[in-house]
Amino acid sequence: MSPPAPTRIPDDAPEHCPVCGDAYGSVSEHDAGLMVNLRDNERYRRVCFDPVAVDGEPRVRFYHHTHDQAGGDPADRAVAPE
């Protein structure tokens, strides 16, 4: 099994999450396999996923929302894809 791909923190990250519009605690960018498990996570309540292209290459940006930033039911903030 190969080691996980390194995480890249984008220089051009927006001020608010482009998926839900809320503030976020951190953002990371990934170009390979992903695994997400937030069950009983002390720091983050929700992660929004935004597929992007960087220099023509596909990436996925994770916007990590703390418990305070993600107040309310995340299903109420769902945004339909464009």
C-alpha atoms as a PDB file:
ATOM      1  CA  MET A   1       0.000   0.000   0.000  1.00  0.00           C
ATOM      2  CA  SER A   2       1.425   3.392  -0.965  1.00  0.00           C
ATOM      3  CA  PRO A   3       1.593   6.274   1.516  1.00  0.00           C
ATOM      4  CA  PRO A   4      -1.157   8.893   1.396  1.00  0.00           C
ATOM      5  CA  ALA A   5      -0.703  11.805  -0.979  1.00  0.00           C
ATOM      6  CA  PRO A   6       0.572  14.992   0.618  1.00  0.00           C
ATOM      7  CA  THR A   7      -1.989  17.626   1.521  1.00  0.00           C
ATOM      8  CA  ARG A   8      -1.621  21.005  -0.142  1.00  0.00           C
ATOM      9  CA  ILE A   9      -3.029  24.164   1.411  1.00  0.00           C
ATOM     10  CA  PRO A  10      -4.099  26.454  -1.452  1.00  0.00           C
ATOM     11  CA  ASP A  11      -2.785  30.019  -1.589  1.00  0.00           C
ATOM     12  CA  ASP A  12      -5.959  31.279  -3.258  1.00  0.00           C
ATOM     13  CA  ALA A  13      -8.499  29.921  -0.739  1.00  0.00           C
ATOM     14  CA  PRO A  14     -11.633  32.091  -0.488  1.00  0.00           C
ATOM     15  CA  GLU A  15     -12.652  33.857   2.709  1.00  0.00           C
ATOM     16  CA  HIS A  16     -15.849  31.778   3.040  1.00  0.00           C
ATOM     17  CA  CYS A  17     -16.639  28.226   1.986  1.00  0.00           C
ATOM     18  CA  PRO A  18     -17.787  28.174  -1.673  1.00  0.00           C
ATOM     19  CA  VAL A  19     -20.066  25.207  -0.948  1.00  0.00           C
ATOM     20  CA  CYS A  20     -22.141  26.468   2.005  1.00  0.00           C
ATOM     21  CA  GLY A  21     -21.048  30.099   2.392  1.00  0.00           C
ATOM     22  CA  ASP A  22     -20.031  29.701   6.055  1.00  0.00           C
ATOM     23  CA  ALA A  23     -16.699  30.601   7.634  1.00  0.00           C
ATOM     24  CA  TYR A  24     -14.286  27.687   7.926  1.00  0.00           C
ATOM     25  CA  GLY A  25     -11.446  26.745  10.246  1.00  0.00           C
ATOM     26  CA  SER A  26      -9.057  25.395   7.611  1.00  0.00           C
ATOM     27  CA  VAL A  27      -8.870  24.273   4.001  1.00  0.00           C
ATOM     28  CA  SER A  28      -6.828  21.507   2.388  1.00  0.00           C
ATOM     29  CA  GLU A  29      -6.421  20.374  -1.200  1.00  0.00           C
ATOM     30  CA  HIS A  30      -6.012  16.763  -2.316  1.00  0.00           C
ATOM     31  CA  ASP A  31      -5.113  15.058  -5.584  1.00  0.00           C
ATOM     32  CA  ALA A  32      -5.421  11.405  -4.615  1.00  0.00           C
ATOM     33  CA  GLY A  33      -7.486   9.006  -2.487  1.00  0.00           C
ATOM     34  CA  LEU A  34      -9.546  10.412   0.356  1.00  0.00           C
ATOM     35  CA  MET A  35     -11.084   9.123   3.558  1.00  0.00           C
ATOM     36  CA  VAL A  36     -13.387  11.122   5.810  1.00  0.00           C
ATOM     37  CA  ASN A  37     -14.553  10.215   9.299  1.00  0.00           C
ATOM     38  CA  LEU A  38     -15.889  13.003  11.538  1.00  0.00           C
ATOM     39  CA  ARG A  39     -17.695  10.842  14.023  1.00  0.00           C
ATOM     40  CA  ASP A  40     -17.057  12.243  17.501  1.00  0.00           C
ATOM     41  CA  ASN A  41     -14.579  14.774  16.136  1.00  0.00           C
ATOM     42  CA  GLU A  42     -13.623  17.291  18.826  1.00  0.00           C
ATOM     43  CA  ARG A  43     -12.468  20.006  16.423  1.00  0.00           C
ATOM     44  CA  TYR A  44     -14.633  19.836  13.295  1.00  0.00           C
ATOM     45  CA  ARG A  45     -18.342  19.232  12.832  1.00  0.00           C
ATOM     46  CA  ARG A  46     -18.598  19.390   9.062  1.00  0.00           C
ATOM     47  CA  VAL A  47     -16.379  19.247   5.986  1.00  0.00           C
ATOM     48  CA  CYS A  48     -17.556  20.589   2.633  1.00  0.00           C
ATOM     49  CA  PHE A  49     -15.979  19.174  -0.537  1.00  0.00           C
ATOM     50  CA  ASP A  50     -15.332  21.380  -3.579  1.00  0.00           C
ATOM     51  CA  PRO A  51     -13.901  19.816  -6.761  1.00  0.00           C
ATOM     52  CA  VAL A  52     -11.544  22.243  -8.539  1.00  0.00           C
ATOM     53  CA  ALA A  53      -8.962  22.271 -11.328  1.00  0.00           C
ATOM     54  CA  VAL A  54      -5.425  23.475 -10.576  1.00  0.00           C
ATOM     55  CA  ASP A  55      -3.233  23.976 -13.624  1.00  0.00           C
ATOM     56  CA  GLY A  56      -5.623  21.696 -15.522  1.00  0.00           C
ATOM     57  CA  GLU A  57      -5.352  18.898 -12.941  1.00  0.00           C
ATOM     58  CA  PRO A  58      -8.350  17.725 -10.863  1.00  0.00           C
ATOM     59  CA  ARG A  59      -8.271  18.368  -7.126  1.00  0.00           C
ATOM     60  CA  VAL A  60     -10.721  18.311  -4.235  1.00  0.00           C
ATOM     61  CA  ARG A  61     -10.653  21.044  -1.601  1.00  0.00           C
ATOM     62  CA  PHE A  62     -11.895  20.232   1.886  1.00  0.00           C
ATOM     63  CA  TYR A  63     -13.331  23.147   3.879  1.00  0.00           C
ATOM     64  CA  HIS A  64     -13.237  22.144   7.565  1.00  0.00           C
ATOM     65  CA  HIS A  65     -15.930  23.785   9.718  1.00  0.00           C
ATOM     66  CA  THR A  66     -15.631  23.885  13.504  1.00  0.00           C
ATOM     67  CA  HIS A  67     -18.656  23.136  15.672  1.00  0.00           C
ATOM     68  CA  ASP A  68     -19.327  26.859  16.171  1.00  0.00           C
ATOM     69  CA  GLN A  69     -18.976  27.650  12.461  1.00  0.00           C
ATOM     70  CA  ALA A  70     -21.343  24.838  11.460  1.00  0.00           C
ATOM     71  CA  GLY A  71     -24.157  25.684  13.860  1.00  0.00           C
ATOM     72  CA  GLY A  72     -27.550  24.284  12.935  1.00  0.00           C
ATOM     73  CA  ASP A  73     -28.381  21.330  10.756  1.00  0.00           C
ATOM     74  CA  PRO A  74     -25.997  21.101   7.777  1.00  0.00           C
ATOM     75  CA  ALA A  75     -28.812  19.606   5.676  1.00  0.00           C
ATOM     76  CA  ASP A  76     -30.584  22.965   5.954  1.00  0.00           C
ATOM     77  CA  ARG A  77     -27.618  24.593   4.179  1.00  0.00           C
ATOM     78  CA  ALA A  78     -27.245  22.138   1.329  1.00  0.00           C
ATOM     79  CA  VAL A  79     -26.441  23.845  -1.951  1.00  0.00           C
ATOM     80  CA  ALA A  80     -27.482  22.256  -5.233  1.00  0.00           C
ATOM     81  CA  PRO A  81     -24.673  21.692  -7.751  1.00  0.00           C
ATOM     82  CA  GLU A  82     -24.482  24.205 -10.582  1.00  0.00           C
END
